[in-house]
N, C-alpha and C. Protein backbone atom coordinates (compact mmCIF):
# COMPACT_ATOMS: atom_id res chain seq x y z
N MET A 1 91.23 -113.95 -92.53
CA MET A 1 90.69 -113.27 -91.37
C MET A 1 90.32 -114.27 -90.28
N ARG A 2 90.16 -115.50 -90.62
CA ARG A 2 89.83 -116.52 -89.62
C ARG A 2 90.88 -116.57 -88.51
N TRP A 3 92.15 -116.52 -88.91
CA TRP A 3 93.20 -116.59 -87.90
C TRP A 3 93.23 -115.35 -87.04
N TRP A 4 92.73 -114.22 -87.53
CA TRP A 4 92.64 -113.02 -86.69
C TRP A 4 91.71 -113.30 -85.52
N LYS A 5 90.62 -114.01 -85.80
CA LYS A 5 89.67 -114.33 -84.73
C LYS A 5 90.27 -115.35 -83.76
N ASP A 6 91.17 -116.20 -84.26
CA ASP A 6 91.86 -117.16 -83.38
C ASP A 6 92.74 -116.43 -82.37
N ILE A 7 93.52 -115.44 -82.82
CA ILE A 7 94.37 -114.71 -81.88
C ILE A 7 93.51 -113.83 -80.98
N HIS A 8 92.43 -113.30 -81.52
CA HIS A 8 91.48 -112.53 -80.70
C HIS A 8 90.99 -113.41 -79.54
N ALA A 9 90.63 -114.65 -79.84
CA ALA A 9 90.16 -115.57 -78.80
C ALA A 9 91.29 -115.92 -77.82
N ALA A 10 92.51 -116.08 -78.34
CA ALA A 10 93.64 -116.41 -77.47
C ALA A 10 93.94 -115.26 -76.49
N LEU A 11 93.64 -114.04 -76.90
CA LEU A 11 93.89 -112.87 -76.05
C LEU A 11 92.72 -112.56 -75.13
N ARG A 12 91.74 -113.45 -75.09
CA ARG A 12 90.58 -113.25 -74.22
C ARG A 12 91.04 -112.92 -72.80
N GLY A 13 90.46 -111.88 -72.25
CA GLY A 13 90.83 -111.44 -70.92
C GLY A 13 91.93 -110.40 -70.91
N ILE A 14 92.58 -110.19 -72.05
CA ILE A 14 93.62 -109.15 -72.18
C ILE A 14 93.05 -108.09 -73.12
N PRO A 15 92.80 -106.89 -72.64
CA PRO A 15 92.25 -105.85 -73.53
C PRO A 15 93.18 -105.63 -74.72
N HIS A 16 92.62 -105.64 -75.93
CA HIS A 16 93.42 -105.53 -77.14
C HIS A 16 92.60 -104.94 -78.28
N ALA A 17 93.29 -104.59 -79.36
CA ALA A 17 92.63 -104.03 -80.54
C ALA A 17 93.50 -104.25 -81.76
N ILE A 18 92.86 -104.35 -82.91
CA ILE A 18 93.60 -104.40 -84.16
C ILE A 18 94.06 -102.98 -84.49
N GLY A 19 95.33 -102.85 -84.85
CA GLY A 19 95.91 -101.56 -85.20
C GLY A 19 96.65 -101.64 -86.52
N GLY A 20 97.58 -100.72 -86.72
CA GLY A 20 98.43 -100.72 -87.90
C GLY A 20 97.66 -100.56 -89.20
N GLY A 21 98.21 -101.16 -90.25
CA GLY A 21 97.63 -101.04 -91.59
C GLY A 21 96.24 -101.62 -91.70
N VAL A 22 95.97 -102.70 -90.98
CA VAL A 22 94.63 -103.31 -91.05
C VAL A 22 93.60 -102.35 -90.46
N ALA A 23 93.92 -101.71 -89.34
CA ALA A 23 92.99 -100.73 -88.77
C ALA A 23 92.87 -99.52 -89.69
N ALA A 24 93.98 -99.07 -90.25
CA ALA A 24 93.95 -97.93 -91.17
C ALA A 24 93.04 -98.22 -92.37
N ASN A 25 93.00 -99.47 -92.79
CA ASN A 25 92.14 -99.84 -93.93
C ASN A 25 90.66 -99.60 -93.65
N GLN A 26 90.29 -99.45 -92.39
CA GLN A 26 88.89 -99.17 -92.05
C GLN A 26 88.53 -97.71 -92.34
N TYR A 27 89.54 -96.87 -92.54
CA TYR A 27 89.32 -95.43 -92.68
C TYR A 27 89.84 -94.86 -94.00
N ARG A 28 90.14 -95.73 -94.95
CA ARG A 28 90.66 -95.32 -96.26
C ARG A 28 90.46 -96.48 -97.23
N PRO A 29 90.68 -96.24 -98.52
CA PRO A 29 90.65 -97.39 -99.44
C PRO A 29 91.74 -98.38 -99.02
N PRO A 30 91.41 -99.66 -98.95
CA PRO A 30 92.37 -100.64 -98.43
C PRO A 30 93.64 -100.76 -99.27
N ARG A 31 94.74 -101.02 -98.58
CA ARG A 31 95.99 -101.41 -99.23
C ARG A 31 96.44 -102.70 -98.57
N HIS A 32 97.19 -103.50 -99.30
CA HIS A 32 97.64 -104.79 -98.79
C HIS A 32 98.65 -104.59 -97.66
N THR A 33 98.53 -105.40 -96.65
CA THR A 33 99.51 -105.45 -95.57
C THR A 33 99.77 -106.92 -95.25
N ALA A 34 101.02 -107.25 -95.02
CA ALA A 34 101.41 -108.66 -94.86
C ALA A 34 101.04 -109.23 -93.49
N ASP A 35 100.94 -108.35 -92.49
CA ASP A 35 100.69 -108.86 -91.14
C ASP A 35 99.51 -108.12 -90.53
N VAL A 36 99.15 -108.56 -89.34
CA VAL A 36 98.14 -107.83 -88.57
C VAL A 36 98.77 -107.47 -87.23
N ASP A 37 98.52 -106.22 -86.82
CA ASP A 37 99.03 -105.74 -85.53
C ASP A 37 97.92 -105.82 -84.50
N PHE A 38 98.19 -106.49 -83.41
CA PHE A 38 97.28 -106.47 -82.27
C PHE A 38 97.94 -105.61 -81.21
N MET A 39 97.23 -104.57 -80.81
CA MET A 39 97.73 -103.61 -79.84
C MET A 39 97.19 -103.97 -78.46
N VAL A 40 98.05 -103.81 -77.46
CA VAL A 40 97.66 -104.01 -76.06
C VAL A 40 98.29 -102.87 -75.26
N ARG A 41 97.80 -102.68 -74.05
CA ARG A 41 98.50 -101.73 -73.18
C ARG A 41 99.88 -102.32 -72.89
N LEU A 42 100.85 -101.44 -72.76
CA LEU A 42 102.23 -101.90 -72.57
C LEU A 42 102.35 -102.88 -71.40
N ARG A 43 101.65 -102.60 -70.32
CA ARG A 43 101.75 -103.49 -69.14
C ARG A 43 101.18 -104.88 -69.43
N ASP A 44 100.33 -105.01 -70.46
CA ASP A 44 99.73 -106.30 -70.81
C ASP A 44 100.51 -107.07 -71.86
N LEU A 45 101.60 -106.47 -72.38
CA LEU A 45 102.35 -107.13 -73.45
C LEU A 45 102.90 -108.50 -73.04
N PRO A 46 103.51 -108.67 -71.87
CA PRO A 46 103.99 -110.01 -71.51
C PRO A 46 102.87 -111.06 -71.47
N ALA A 47 101.71 -110.69 -70.97
CA ALA A 47 100.59 -111.64 -70.92
C ALA A 47 100.10 -111.96 -72.34
N ALA A 48 100.09 -110.97 -73.22
CA ALA A 48 99.67 -111.20 -74.61
C ALA A 48 100.66 -112.13 -75.31
N GLU A 49 101.95 -111.92 -75.08
CA GLU A 49 102.96 -112.78 -75.69
C GLU A 49 102.83 -114.21 -75.17
N ASP A 50 102.57 -114.36 -73.90
CA ASP A 50 102.36 -115.69 -73.32
C ASP A 50 101.14 -116.36 -73.94
N ALA A 51 100.06 -115.59 -74.11
CA ALA A 51 98.84 -116.14 -74.72
C ALA A 51 99.10 -116.56 -76.16
N ALA A 52 99.87 -115.78 -76.91
CA ALA A 52 100.20 -116.14 -78.30
C ALA A 52 101.00 -117.44 -78.33
N ARG A 53 101.98 -117.52 -77.46
CA ARG A 53 102.82 -118.73 -77.38
C ARG A 53 101.96 -119.96 -77.08
N LYS A 54 101.06 -119.84 -76.12
CA LYS A 54 100.19 -120.96 -75.75
C LYS A 54 99.23 -121.33 -76.88
N ALA A 55 98.92 -120.37 -77.78
CA ALA A 55 98.03 -120.63 -78.90
C ALA A 55 98.79 -121.16 -80.12
N GLY A 56 100.08 -121.44 -79.95
CA GLY A 56 100.85 -122.05 -81.03
C GLY A 56 101.62 -121.09 -81.91
N TRP A 57 101.68 -119.82 -81.54
CA TRP A 57 102.44 -118.84 -82.31
C TRP A 57 103.92 -118.95 -81.94
N LYS A 58 104.78 -118.76 -82.92
CA LYS A 58 106.23 -118.82 -82.71
C LYS A 58 106.80 -117.41 -82.78
N TRP A 59 107.52 -117.02 -81.72
CA TRP A 59 108.19 -115.72 -81.69
C TRP A 59 109.24 -115.69 -82.78
N THR A 60 109.31 -114.60 -83.54
CA THR A 60 110.33 -114.49 -84.59
C THR A 60 111.28 -113.32 -84.39
N ALA A 61 110.83 -112.24 -83.72
CA ALA A 61 111.71 -111.09 -83.55
C ALA A 61 111.13 -110.10 -82.53
N THR A 62 112.04 -109.34 -81.96
CA THR A 62 111.64 -108.18 -81.17
C THR A 62 111.55 -107.01 -82.14
N LEU A 63 110.46 -106.27 -82.09
CA LEU A 63 110.27 -105.15 -83.00
C LEU A 63 111.05 -103.93 -82.51
N ARG A 64 111.62 -103.20 -83.43
CA ARG A 64 112.32 -101.95 -83.11
C ARG A 64 111.33 -100.81 -83.32
N LEU A 65 110.81 -100.30 -82.24
CA LEU A 65 109.76 -99.28 -82.30
C LEU A 65 110.22 -98.03 -81.56
N GLU A 66 109.51 -96.94 -81.80
CA GLU A 66 109.85 -95.66 -81.17
C GLU A 66 108.74 -95.22 -80.24
N GLY A 67 108.97 -94.12 -79.55
CA GLY A 67 107.94 -93.48 -78.75
C GLY A 67 107.45 -94.30 -77.57
N GLY A 68 108.30 -95.17 -77.05
CA GLY A 68 107.89 -95.99 -75.91
C GLY A 68 107.10 -97.24 -76.27
N LEU A 69 106.79 -97.42 -77.57
CA LEU A 69 106.11 -98.63 -78.02
C LEU A 69 107.08 -99.80 -77.93
N LYS A 70 106.58 -100.96 -77.58
CA LYS A 70 107.39 -102.18 -77.55
C LYS A 70 106.58 -103.28 -78.22
N GLY A 71 107.27 -104.23 -78.82
CA GLY A 71 106.51 -105.27 -79.48
C GLY A 71 107.35 -106.44 -79.93
N SER A 72 106.65 -107.43 -80.46
CA SER A 72 107.28 -108.65 -80.94
C SER A 72 106.53 -109.17 -82.15
N ALA A 73 107.28 -109.84 -83.03
CA ALA A 73 106.71 -110.44 -84.24
C ALA A 73 106.55 -111.94 -84.02
N TRP A 74 105.46 -112.49 -84.58
CA TRP A 74 105.10 -113.89 -84.39
C TRP A 74 104.66 -114.48 -85.71
N GLU A 75 104.76 -115.82 -85.82
CA GLU A 75 104.35 -116.52 -87.04
C GLU A 75 103.67 -117.83 -86.66
N ARG A 76 102.64 -118.17 -87.43
CA ARG A 76 101.98 -119.46 -87.28
C ARG A 76 101.31 -119.79 -88.60
N ASP A 77 101.61 -120.94 -89.16
CA ASP A 77 100.98 -121.41 -90.40
C ASP A 77 101.10 -120.40 -91.53
N GLY A 78 102.23 -119.71 -91.60
CA GLY A 78 102.45 -118.72 -92.66
C GLY A 78 101.80 -117.37 -92.41
N ASN A 79 101.12 -117.22 -91.29
CA ASN A 79 100.48 -115.95 -90.95
C ASN A 79 101.41 -115.14 -90.04
N GLU A 80 101.42 -113.83 -90.23
CA GLU A 80 102.30 -112.95 -89.47
C GLU A 80 101.50 -112.05 -88.54
N LEU A 81 101.94 -111.99 -87.30
CA LEU A 81 101.29 -111.23 -86.25
C LEU A 81 102.33 -110.37 -85.54
N ASP A 82 101.99 -109.11 -85.31
CA ASP A 82 102.80 -108.27 -84.44
C ASP A 82 101.98 -107.95 -83.20
N LEU A 83 102.56 -108.15 -82.03
CA LEU A 83 101.95 -107.74 -80.77
C LEU A 83 102.67 -106.48 -80.33
N ILE A 84 101.92 -105.41 -80.13
CA ILE A 84 102.53 -104.11 -79.82
C ILE A 84 101.93 -103.56 -78.54
N GLY A 85 102.80 -103.23 -77.60
CA GLY A 85 102.40 -102.62 -76.34
C GLY A 85 102.47 -101.11 -76.46
N VAL A 86 101.37 -100.46 -76.12
CA VAL A 86 101.27 -99.00 -76.20
C VAL A 86 101.30 -98.44 -74.78
N PRO A 87 102.24 -97.53 -74.49
CA PRO A 87 102.40 -97.05 -73.12
C PRO A 87 101.40 -95.98 -72.70
N GLY A 88 101.30 -95.82 -71.39
CA GLY A 88 100.64 -94.69 -70.77
C GLY A 88 99.20 -94.44 -71.14
N ALA A 89 98.86 -93.16 -71.10
CA ALA A 89 97.48 -92.73 -71.34
C ALA A 89 97.03 -93.06 -72.75
N LEU A 90 97.93 -92.99 -73.73
CA LEU A 90 97.56 -93.34 -75.10
C LEU A 90 97.14 -94.80 -75.19
N GLY A 91 97.90 -95.69 -74.58
CA GLY A 91 97.55 -97.11 -74.59
C GLY A 91 96.23 -97.37 -73.91
N HIS A 92 96.04 -96.77 -72.77
CA HIS A 92 94.79 -96.95 -72.01
C HIS A 92 93.60 -96.45 -72.82
N ASP A 93 93.69 -95.23 -73.34
CA ASP A 93 92.59 -94.63 -74.08
C ASP A 93 92.30 -95.39 -75.39
N ALA A 94 93.36 -95.75 -76.11
CA ALA A 94 93.19 -96.44 -77.39
C ALA A 94 92.50 -97.79 -77.23
N ILE A 95 92.95 -98.57 -76.26
CA ILE A 95 92.37 -99.90 -76.06
C ILE A 95 90.95 -99.79 -75.53
N ASN A 96 90.69 -98.86 -74.62
CA ASN A 96 89.32 -98.69 -74.12
C ASN A 96 88.36 -98.24 -75.22
N ALA A 97 88.79 -97.32 -76.08
CA ALA A 97 87.93 -96.87 -77.18
C ALA A 97 87.65 -98.01 -78.15
N ALA A 98 88.61 -98.87 -78.37
CA ALA A 98 88.42 -100.00 -79.29
C ALA A 98 87.37 -100.98 -78.79
N ARG A 99 87.18 -101.03 -77.50
CA ARG A 99 86.16 -101.92 -76.93
C ARG A 99 84.76 -101.51 -77.38
N ARG A 100 84.62 -100.27 -77.88
CA ARG A 100 83.34 -99.79 -78.40
C ARG A 100 83.38 -99.64 -79.92
N ASN A 101 84.39 -100.23 -80.55
CA ASN A 101 84.58 -100.06 -81.99
C ASN A 101 84.84 -101.42 -82.67
N TYR A 102 83.86 -102.30 -82.53
CA TYR A 102 83.97 -103.63 -83.13
C TYR A 102 83.52 -103.60 -84.58
N ARG A 103 84.25 -104.34 -85.41
CA ARG A 103 83.91 -104.53 -86.82
C ARG A 103 84.17 -105.99 -87.15
N ASN A 104 83.20 -106.64 -87.73
CA ASN A 104 83.32 -108.06 -88.06
C ASN A 104 83.73 -108.90 -86.85
N GLY A 105 83.22 -108.53 -85.68
CA GLY A 105 83.48 -109.30 -84.47
C GLY A 105 84.83 -109.06 -83.82
N LEU A 106 85.57 -108.04 -84.28
CA LEU A 106 86.90 -107.77 -83.74
C LEU A 106 87.02 -106.30 -83.32
N PRO A 107 87.77 -106.02 -82.25
CA PRO A 107 87.95 -104.63 -81.81
C PRO A 107 89.03 -103.94 -82.65
N TYR A 108 88.71 -102.75 -83.15
CA TYR A 108 89.65 -101.97 -83.96
C TYR A 108 89.95 -100.64 -83.28
N LEU A 109 91.18 -100.18 -83.44
CA LEU A 109 91.50 -98.83 -82.98
C LEU A 109 90.62 -97.83 -83.72
N THR A 110 90.28 -96.75 -83.05
CA THR A 110 89.52 -95.69 -83.69
C THR A 110 90.46 -94.86 -84.58
N LEU A 111 89.87 -94.07 -85.46
CA LEU A 111 90.66 -93.24 -86.36
C LEU A 111 91.64 -92.36 -85.58
N ARG A 112 91.17 -91.73 -84.52
CA ARG A 112 92.07 -90.81 -83.78
C ARG A 112 93.27 -91.54 -83.21
N HIS A 113 93.10 -92.77 -82.79
CA HIS A 113 94.21 -93.52 -82.23
C HIS A 113 95.12 -94.10 -83.31
N VAL A 114 94.53 -94.52 -84.43
CA VAL A 114 95.37 -95.00 -85.54
C VAL A 114 96.30 -93.88 -85.99
N VAL A 115 95.74 -92.67 -86.17
CA VAL A 115 96.57 -91.55 -86.63
C VAL A 115 97.64 -91.22 -85.59
N ALA A 116 97.27 -91.10 -84.33
CA ALA A 116 98.25 -90.77 -83.29
C ALA A 116 99.39 -91.79 -83.27
N LEU A 117 99.05 -93.06 -83.34
CA LEU A 117 100.09 -94.10 -83.30
C LEU A 117 100.94 -94.10 -84.56
N LYS A 118 100.34 -93.81 -85.70
CA LYS A 118 101.11 -93.76 -86.95
C LYS A 118 102.03 -92.54 -87.00
N MET A 119 101.73 -91.50 -86.23
CA MET A 119 102.60 -90.33 -86.20
C MET A 119 103.86 -90.58 -85.38
N ILE A 120 103.86 -91.55 -84.50
CA ILE A 120 105.02 -91.78 -83.63
C ILE A 120 106.28 -92.14 -84.42
N PRO A 121 106.23 -93.11 -85.34
CA PRO A 121 107.49 -93.47 -86.00
C PRO A 121 107.94 -92.50 -87.08
N ASN A 122 107.02 -91.66 -87.59
CA ASN A 122 107.36 -90.68 -88.62
C ASN A 122 107.96 -91.34 -89.87
N ARG A 123 107.45 -92.53 -90.22
CA ARG A 123 107.90 -93.23 -91.43
C ARG A 123 107.10 -92.76 -92.63
N THR A 124 107.68 -92.83 -93.80
CA THR A 124 107.03 -92.37 -95.02
C THR A 124 105.69 -93.05 -95.24
N GLN A 125 105.63 -94.38 -95.12
CA GLN A 125 104.37 -95.09 -95.37
C GLN A 125 103.32 -94.70 -94.33
N ALA A 126 103.73 -94.51 -93.09
CA ALA A 126 102.78 -94.11 -92.06
C ALA A 126 102.21 -92.73 -92.36
N LEU A 127 103.06 -91.81 -92.82
CA LEU A 127 102.59 -90.47 -93.16
C LEU A 127 101.65 -90.51 -94.37
N ALA A 128 101.95 -91.36 -95.34
CA ALA A 128 101.05 -91.52 -96.49
C ALA A 128 99.71 -92.10 -96.04
N ASP A 129 99.75 -93.06 -95.13
CA ASP A 129 98.51 -93.62 -94.58
C ASP A 129 97.68 -92.54 -93.90
N ILE A 130 98.34 -91.69 -93.11
CA ILE A 130 97.64 -90.62 -92.41
C ILE A 130 96.99 -89.68 -93.41
N ALA A 131 97.73 -89.26 -94.41
CA ALA A 131 97.19 -88.32 -95.41
C ALA A 131 95.96 -88.91 -96.10
N THR A 132 96.03 -90.19 -96.43
CA THR A 132 94.88 -90.83 -97.10
C THR A 132 93.69 -90.93 -96.17
N MET A 133 93.93 -91.31 -94.91
CA MET A 133 92.82 -91.40 -93.96
C MET A 133 92.18 -90.03 -93.74
N LEU A 134 93.00 -89.01 -93.60
CA LEU A 134 92.47 -87.67 -93.38
C LEU A 134 91.66 -87.19 -94.58
N GLY A 135 92.06 -87.61 -95.76
CA GLY A 135 91.33 -87.24 -96.97
C GLY A 135 89.93 -87.82 -97.03
N HIS A 136 89.68 -88.86 -96.26
CA HIS A 136 88.36 -89.50 -96.22
C HIS A 136 87.61 -89.18 -94.92
N ALA A 137 88.22 -88.36 -94.06
CA ALA A 137 87.63 -88.07 -92.76
C ALA A 137 86.72 -86.84 -92.84
N SER A 138 85.70 -86.86 -92.00
CA SER A 138 84.80 -85.72 -91.88
C SER A 138 85.46 -84.63 -91.03
N PRO A 139 84.96 -83.39 -91.09
CA PRO A 139 85.51 -82.35 -90.20
C PRO A 139 85.45 -82.75 -88.72
N ALA A 140 84.39 -83.42 -88.30
CA ALA A 140 84.28 -83.86 -86.90
C ALA A 140 85.36 -84.89 -86.57
N GLN A 141 85.61 -85.81 -87.49
CA GLN A 141 86.66 -86.81 -87.26
C GLN A 141 88.03 -86.14 -87.19
N ILE A 142 88.26 -85.15 -88.04
CA ILE A 142 89.55 -84.46 -88.03
C ILE A 142 89.72 -83.71 -86.70
N ARG A 143 88.67 -83.10 -86.21
CA ARG A 143 88.76 -82.44 -84.89
C ARG A 143 89.09 -83.44 -83.79
N SER A 144 88.49 -84.62 -83.86
CA SER A 144 88.76 -85.67 -82.87
C SER A 144 90.22 -86.14 -82.96
N VAL A 145 90.71 -86.33 -84.18
CA VAL A 145 92.11 -86.73 -84.38
C VAL A 145 93.04 -85.66 -83.82
N ARG A 146 92.74 -84.41 -84.13
CA ARG A 146 93.59 -83.31 -83.68
C ARG A 146 93.64 -83.27 -82.15
N ALA A 147 92.50 -83.45 -81.50
CA ALA A 147 92.46 -83.45 -80.04
C ALA A 147 93.30 -84.58 -79.46
N ALA A 148 93.24 -85.76 -80.09
CA ALA A 148 94.04 -86.90 -79.61
C ALA A 148 95.53 -86.64 -79.81
N VAL A 149 95.90 -86.11 -80.95
CA VAL A 149 97.32 -85.82 -81.20
C VAL A 149 97.82 -84.79 -80.19
N LYS A 150 97.01 -83.76 -79.94
CA LYS A 150 97.39 -82.75 -78.96
C LYS A 150 97.55 -83.36 -77.57
N ARG A 151 96.61 -84.21 -77.19
CA ARG A 151 96.63 -84.82 -75.85
C ARG A 151 97.79 -85.79 -75.66
N PHE A 152 98.03 -86.64 -76.66
CA PHE A 152 98.98 -87.74 -76.47
C PHE A 152 100.38 -87.49 -77.03
N LEU A 153 100.51 -86.58 -77.99
CA LEU A 153 101.82 -86.42 -78.63
C LEU A 153 102.45 -85.05 -78.33
N GLY A 154 101.86 -83.96 -78.78
CA GLY A 154 102.44 -82.67 -78.47
C GLY A 154 102.25 -81.64 -79.56
N PRO A 155 102.67 -80.39 -79.28
CA PRO A 155 102.39 -79.29 -80.21
C PRO A 155 103.07 -79.43 -81.57
N ASP A 156 104.29 -79.96 -81.62
CA ASP A 156 104.94 -80.14 -82.91
C ASP A 156 104.16 -81.13 -83.78
N ASP A 157 103.64 -82.16 -83.15
CA ASP A 157 102.85 -83.15 -83.90
C ASP A 157 101.53 -82.56 -84.36
N VAL A 158 100.93 -81.69 -83.56
CA VAL A 158 99.69 -81.02 -83.96
C VAL A 158 99.97 -80.16 -85.19
N ALA A 159 101.09 -79.44 -85.19
CA ALA A 159 101.46 -78.61 -86.35
C ALA A 159 101.65 -79.48 -87.59
N ASP A 160 102.31 -80.64 -87.43
CA ASP A 160 102.47 -81.56 -88.57
C ASP A 160 101.12 -82.06 -89.07
N LEU A 161 100.25 -82.41 -88.15
CA LEU A 161 98.92 -82.88 -88.52
C LEU A 161 98.17 -81.78 -89.27
N ASP A 162 98.21 -80.57 -88.75
CA ASP A 162 97.52 -79.45 -89.41
C ASP A 162 98.04 -79.25 -90.83
N GLN A 163 99.33 -79.42 -91.04
CA GLN A 163 99.90 -79.30 -92.39
C GLN A 163 99.37 -80.40 -93.31
N MET A 164 99.27 -81.62 -92.79
CA MET A 164 98.74 -82.72 -93.61
C MET A 164 97.28 -82.48 -93.96
N VAL A 165 96.51 -81.98 -93.00
CA VAL A 165 95.09 -81.68 -93.25
C VAL A 165 94.99 -80.61 -94.33
N GLU A 166 95.79 -79.57 -94.23
CA GLU A 166 95.75 -78.48 -95.21
C GLU A 166 96.17 -78.97 -96.60
N MET A 167 97.20 -79.79 -96.67
CA MET A 167 97.63 -80.35 -97.96
C MET A 167 96.50 -81.16 -98.60
N ARG A 168 95.82 -81.98 -97.80
CA ARG A 168 94.70 -82.78 -98.34
C ARG A 168 93.59 -81.88 -98.82
N ARG A 169 93.34 -80.79 -98.08
CA ARG A 169 92.29 -79.85 -98.47
C ARG A 169 92.64 -79.20 -99.81
N LEU A 170 93.90 -78.78 -99.98
CA LEU A 170 94.33 -78.15 -101.22
C LEU A 170 94.29 -79.14 -102.40
N GLU A 171 94.66 -80.38 -102.15
CA GLU A 171 94.63 -81.41 -103.20
C GLU A 171 93.21 -81.66 -103.68
N ARG A 172 92.27 -81.63 -102.76
CA ARG A 172 90.88 -81.93 -103.10
C ARG A 172 90.14 -80.74 -103.69
N GLY A 173 90.72 -79.55 -103.51
CA GLY A 173 90.11 -78.35 -104.10
C GLY A 173 89.07 -77.81 -103.28
């Protein structure tokens, strides 16, 4: 986690937040993830990449992402970092909310934003992460997630979310 604080310091002045599996671990029993995702607003991605380069990170790949997300993979001293630019209102809202959601000295995406962003790629592991997070969420948190999905994604995604919530409810009895 020490190197997480190093990249956090390197991104000083660029609004950012921890996302992906590491952020999801804040809302469910933790699972191992090989890298850490630092999220920025899409317009700030070039500045974040420049800051990573200046901090000694080596670019390794352009990430293939969906839903207007763009990103790049980086490596330094065996540590793996993904920088991900989040477009539009979702990026603005997610990064601003993270500024009020610090844990261990680092800004983390809120549950509603982690779920919304994990719904974009529609990958099996992301859907499993969502189901697990929802299983540990309070009714108020689920309402907040639902509102974010409705605002940033759309009605089909709200229907998918509602199905996941209902499945978790049935599993728990």
